[in-house]
Amino acid sequence: MQLPLYIEISENLKNFILDGNIKIGEKIPGDFELMKQYQVSRDTIRKAIKVLVDDGYLIRRPGKGTFLCRRRKVDSIEKIISFSSELIARGYVPSTKLIKFKEINATPEISEMLKCNQNEDIYLIERIRYASKLPIAFETTYLLKKIVGEIKKNELLDSMYEFLSREKNIEFIKMVQEIKPKMLDSKVAKMMKVDIMPVIHLSRIIYTKNNMPFFALSFLLRGDNYSMKNEVILK
């Protein structure tokens, strides 16, 4: 699948930076110069620059331009947690199909994950996640109702992270993640309209203030179309 043009340009600019062609504190070429160089619109250039700003390579200074900065060592928590943000960063258009949304009582297993009482009110949410219309993941989420409050079905079609952090004002403090291989079962394969195949099983427990777990989710990610890559900056 071909990447959007602005992603290709941002990668080209990043390589130009990493090759040492610009020093920290120096101003990068302006929009019009880059438009002429790449033969694209200003909107495309601005999107490409925004990728590098979001990734911590560049900083905008209103009225002065865009400058190379000392890269932030820690990526934003949104990029770490939000699957939608990850897909956008890879050049895909994310979308979601809601499969199940209901209120249940915490089972012993859920109670153990979220450190809550058994029979506590829990939201169970199942969704299929798409990358540019390709079914890429099956997601199962458990939310502790006493933390997230009332939720409506139509609020679950976009990024869960953005909804909880911006609409519910919930602060994300910590995430514990486990990754292991698994075989996709026939029921989920049928819902995703894919063959039974090896998948990446990614499970997360997310904590809010007072070290309280409130958000447990499980991704079954297609092994034929998804890979995980992490960059760790040590110095």
Protein backbone atom coordinates (compact mmCIF):
# COMPACT_ATOMS: atom_id res chain seq x y z
CA MET A 1 0.00 0.00 0.00
CA GLN A 2 1.47 3.34 -1.07
CA LEU A 3 1.98 5.87 1.70
CA PRO A 4 0.37 9.32 1.46
CA LEU A 5 2.62 11.91 -0.16
CA TYR A 6 3.00 13.97 3.02
CA ILE A 7 4.32 10.89 4.87
CA GLU A 8 6.89 10.27 2.12
CA ILE A 9 7.99 13.92 2.31
CA SER A 10 8.23 13.84 6.11
CA GLU A 11 10.42 10.71 5.91
CA ASN A 12 12.62 12.41 3.31
CA LEU A 13 12.99 15.48 5.52
CA LYS A 14 13.70 13.34 8.58
CA ASN A 15 16.50 11.53 6.74
CA PHE A 16 17.87 14.92 5.65
CA ILE A 17 17.92 15.97 9.32
CA LEU A 18 19.44 12.71 10.58
CA ASP A 19 22.20 12.98 7.97
CA GLY A 20 23.35 16.13 9.78
CA ASN A 21 22.40 18.66 7.12
CA ILE A 22 20.73 20.94 9.68
CA LYS A 23 22.06 21.79 13.14
CA ILE A 24 19.97 22.09 16.30
CA GLY A 25 18.52 25.59 16.46
CA GLU A 26 18.73 26.19 12.72
CA LYS A 27 15.67 27.17 10.73
CA ILE A 28 14.48 24.72 8.08
CA PRO A 29 13.46 25.93 4.59
CA GLY A 30 10.09 27.70 4.50
CA ASP A 31 6.82 26.33 3.13
CA PHE A 32 7.16 27.96 -0.29
CA GLU A 33 10.72 26.74 -0.77
CA LEU A 34 9.67 23.20 0.14
CA MET A 35 6.60 23.45 -2.12
CA LYS A 36 8.90 24.31 -5.01
CA GLN A 37 11.37 21.55 -4.10
CA TYR A 38 8.76 18.78 -3.85
CA GLN A 39 6.26 20.18 -6.37
CA VAL A 40 3.31 19.82 -3.98
CA SER A 41 0.70 22.04 -2.34
CA ARG A 42 1.25 24.05 0.82
CA ASP A 43 -1.25 21.86 2.66
CA THR A 44 0.86 18.77 1.88
CA ILE A 45 4.02 20.49 3.14
CA ARG A 46 2.29 21.60 6.34
CA LYS A 47 1.09 18.05 7.00
CA ALA A 48 4.62 16.72 6.46
CA ILE A 49 6.09 19.32 8.83
CA LYS A 50 3.42 18.56 11.45
CA VAL A 51 4.52 14.90 11.49
CA LEU A 52 8.07 15.99 12.37
CA VAL A 53 6.82 18.50 14.95
CA ASP A 54 4.65 15.80 16.57
CA ASP A 55 7.62 13.40 16.53
CA GLY A 56 9.77 15.95 18.36
CA TYR A 57 12.27 16.78 15.59
CA LEU A 58 11.03 20.30 14.86
CA ILE A 59 9.49 23.18 16.78
CA ARG A 60 7.32 25.97 15.37
CA ARG A 61 7.94 29.56 16.45
CA PRO A 62 5.05 31.81 15.38
CA GLY A 63 6.20 34.62 13.13
CA LYS A 64 9.73 33.20 12.90
CA GLY A 65 9.49 29.79 11.25
CA THR A 66 10.20 26.15 12.03
CA PHE A 67 13.46 25.08 13.66
CA LEU A 68 15.34 21.88 14.39
CA CYS A 69 15.23 21.14 18.12
CA ARG A 70 16.82 18.65 20.47
CA ARG A 71 14.44 15.74 20.18
CA ARG A 72 12.22 14.93 23.12
CA LYS A 73 13.24 11.66 24.74
CA VAL A 74 9.76 10.46 25.57
CA ASP A 75 7.00 10.25 23.00
CA SER A 76 3.56 11.53 23.91
CA ILE A 77 1.37 9.10 25.83
CA GLU A 78 -1.26 9.49 23.11
CA LYS A 79 1.09 7.95 20.54
CA ILE A 80 1.95 5.12 22.92
CA ILE A 81 -1.63 4.26 23.84
CA SER A 82 -3.80 5.43 20.94
CA PHE A 83 -4.12 2.85 18.16
CA SER A 84 -5.77 5.47 15.94
CA SER A 85 -2.78 7.81 16.33
CA GLU A 86 -0.43 4.94 15.53
CA LEU A 87 -2.31 4.14 12.31
CA ILE A 88 -2.32 7.79 11.25
CA ALA A 89 1.44 8.00 11.88
CA ARG A 90 1.86 4.99 9.57
CA GLY A 91 -0.09 6.75 6.84
CA TYR A 92 -3.40 4.89 7.19
CA VAL A 93 -6.93 6.20 7.66
CA PRO A 94 -8.33 4.62 10.85
CA SER A 95 -11.97 3.62 11.23
CA THR A 96 -13.97 1.51 13.66
CA LYS A 97 -16.95 -0.84 13.61
CA LEU A 98 -18.69 -1.36 16.94
CA ILE A 99 -19.60 -5.03 17.45
CA LYS A 100 -20.75 -5.13 21.07
CA PHE A 101 -21.43 -2.59 23.81
CA LYS A 102 -23.06 -3.61 27.06
CA GLU A 103 -22.84 -3.24 30.81
CA ILE A 104 -21.80 -6.36 32.73
CA ASN A 105 -20.76 -7.34 36.24
CA ALA A 106 -17.05 -7.92 36.81
CA THR A 107 -16.12 -11.59 36.56
CA PRO A 108 -13.29 -12.97 38.73
CA GLU A 109 -10.91 -12.53 35.76
CA ILE A 110 -11.94 -8.89 35.17
CA SER A 111 -11.83 -8.23 38.90
CA GLU A 112 -8.23 -9.44 38.96
CA MET A 113 -7.22 -7.28 35.97
CA LEU A 114 -8.84 -4.08 37.25
CA LYS A 115 -8.32 -4.74 40.97
CA CYS A 116 -12.01 -4.16 41.63
CA ASN A 117 -14.74 -5.98 43.49
CA GLN A 118 -16.52 -8.84 41.79
CA ASN A 119 -19.88 -7.75 40.37
CA GLU A 120 -18.57 -4.17 39.94
CA ASP A 121 -20.24 -2.40 36.98
CA ILE A 122 -18.09 -2.80 33.86
CA TYR A 123 -18.51 -1.70 30.25
CA LEU A 124 -17.70 -4.47 27.75
CA ILE A 125 -16.85 -3.14 24.29
CA GLU A 126 -15.88 -5.13 21.20
CA ARG A 127 -14.73 -3.34 18.05
CA ILE A 128 -13.10 -4.12 14.71
CA ARG A 129 -10.37 -1.63 13.82
CA TYR A 130 -9.62 -0.80 10.19
CA ALA A 131 -6.54 0.66 8.51
CA SER A 132 -7.69 2.34 5.28
CA LYS A 133 -10.68 -0.06 5.15
CA LEU A 134 -8.51 -3.15 5.80
CA PRO A 135 -9.66 -5.06 8.94
CA ILE A 136 -6.46 -5.00 10.99
CA ALA A 137 -7.46 -5.78 14.59
CA PHE A 138 -10.19 -7.10 16.86
CA GLU A 139 -10.36 -5.16 20.11
CA THR A 140 -12.00 -6.14 23.41
CA THR A 141 -12.20 -3.47 26.12
CA TYR A 142 -13.29 -3.49 29.75
CA LEU A 143 -13.88 -0.10 31.42
CA LEU A 144 -14.57 0.47 35.11
CA LYS A 145 -17.85 2.41 35.11
CA LYS A 146 -17.25 4.20 38.41
CA ILE A 147 -14.23 5.89 36.79
CA VAL A 148 -15.50 6.61 33.27
CA GLY A 149 -19.13 7.40 34.11
CA GLU A 150 -21.98 7.06 31.62
CA ILE A 151 -21.03 6.20 28.02
CA LYS A 152 -23.20 6.15 24.91
CA LYS A 153 -22.79 3.83 21.94
CA ASN A 154 -22.19 6.66 19.45
CA GLU A 155 -19.17 7.83 21.50
CA LEU A 156 -17.22 4.66 20.72
CA LEU A 157 -16.57 4.98 16.98
CA ASP A 158 -13.28 6.89 17.20
CA SER A 159 -10.18 6.83 19.40
CA MET A 160 -11.02 5.53 22.88
CA TYR A 161 -8.00 7.34 24.27
CA GLU A 162 -9.11 10.72 22.91
CA PHE A 163 -12.67 10.19 24.13
CA LEU A 164 -11.63 9.27 27.68
CA SER A 165 -8.92 11.90 28.02
CA ARG A 166 -10.66 14.83 26.35
CA GLU A 167 -14.35 14.20 26.95
CA LYS A 168 -14.11 12.44 30.31
CA ASN A 169 -11.00 14.31 31.54
CA ILE A 170 -9.36 11.09 32.70
CA GLU A 171 -5.62 11.26 33.23
CA PHE A 172 -3.55 8.30 31.99
CA ILE A 173 -0.69 7.57 34.39
CA LYS A 174 0.74 4.14 33.55
CA MET A 175 0.34 1.27 31.13
CA VAL A 176 1.34 -2.39 31.55
CA GLN A 177 1.56 -4.22 28.23
CA GLU A 178 2.02 -7.88 27.30
CA ILE A 179 2.61 -9.25 23.80
CA LYS A 180 2.37 -12.89 22.76
CA PRO A 181 1.51 -14.95 19.67
CA LYS A 182 -1.91 -16.51 19.23
CA MET A 183 -4.07 -18.15 16.57
CA LEU A 184 -7.19 -16.25 15.54
CA ASP A 185 -10.29 -18.24 16.41
CA SER A 186 -13.00 -18.95 13.85
CA LYS A 187 -15.63 -16.72 15.51
CA VAL A 188 -13.47 -13.59 15.40
CA ALA A 189 -12.15 -14.47 11.92
CA LYS A 190 -15.74 -14.62 10.67
CA MET A 191 -16.58 -11.22 12.19
CA MET A 192 -13.45 -9.69 10.63
CA LYS A 193 -14.11 -11.52 7.33
CA VAL A 194 -10.58 -12.93 7.25
CA ASP A 195 -9.03 -16.40 7.26
CA ILE A 196 -7.95 -18.10 10.48
CA MET A 197 -4.34 -16.96 10.88
CA PRO A 198 -1.59 -16.27 13.42
CA VAL A 199 -2.13 -12.96 15.23
CA ILE A 200 -0.27 -10.75 17.67
CA HIS A 201 -2.13 -10.74 20.98
CA LEU A 202 -1.45 -7.40 22.65
CA SER A 203 -3.02 -6.85 26.07
CA ARG A 204 -2.88 -3.64 28.09
CA ILE A 205 -3.89 -2.52 31.57
CA ILE A 206 -4.06 1.28 31.83
CA TYR A 207 -3.96 3.17 35.11
CA THR A 208 -5.27 6.55 36.20
CA LYS A 209 -4.55 8.61 39.34
CA ASN A 210 -3.69 6.85 42.59
CA ASN A 211 -2.28 3.96 40.55
CA MET A 212 -5.81 2.72 39.85
CA PRO A 213 -6.34 0.33 36.90
CA PHE A 214 -9.58 1.19 35.11
CA PHE A 215 -9.07 0.27 31.44
CA ALA A 216 -8.19 -3.23 30.22
CA LEU A 217 -8.03 -4.02 26.55
CA SER A 218 -6.97 -6.80 24.26
CA PHE A 219 -5.95 -6.42 20.61
CA LEU A 220 -5.80 -9.33 18.18
CA LEU A 221 -3.61 -7.87 15.43
CA ARG A 222 -3.26 -9.52 12.04
CA GLY A 223 0.16 -11.11 11.69
CA ASP A 224 0.15 -10.70 7.91
CA ASN A 225 -0.45 -6.94 7.89
CA TYR A 226 0.82 -5.57 11.17
CA SER A 227 4.24 -5.26 12.76
CA MET A 228 5.45 -3.50 15.87
CA LYS A 229 8.42 -1.16 15.93
CA ASN A 230 9.71 0.81 18.90
CA GLU A 231 12.39 3.46 19.02
CA VAL A 232 14.19 3.85 22.35
CA ILE A 233 16.39 6.91 22.79
CA LEU A 234 19.06 6.11 25.36
CA LYS A 235 20.90 9.42 25.48
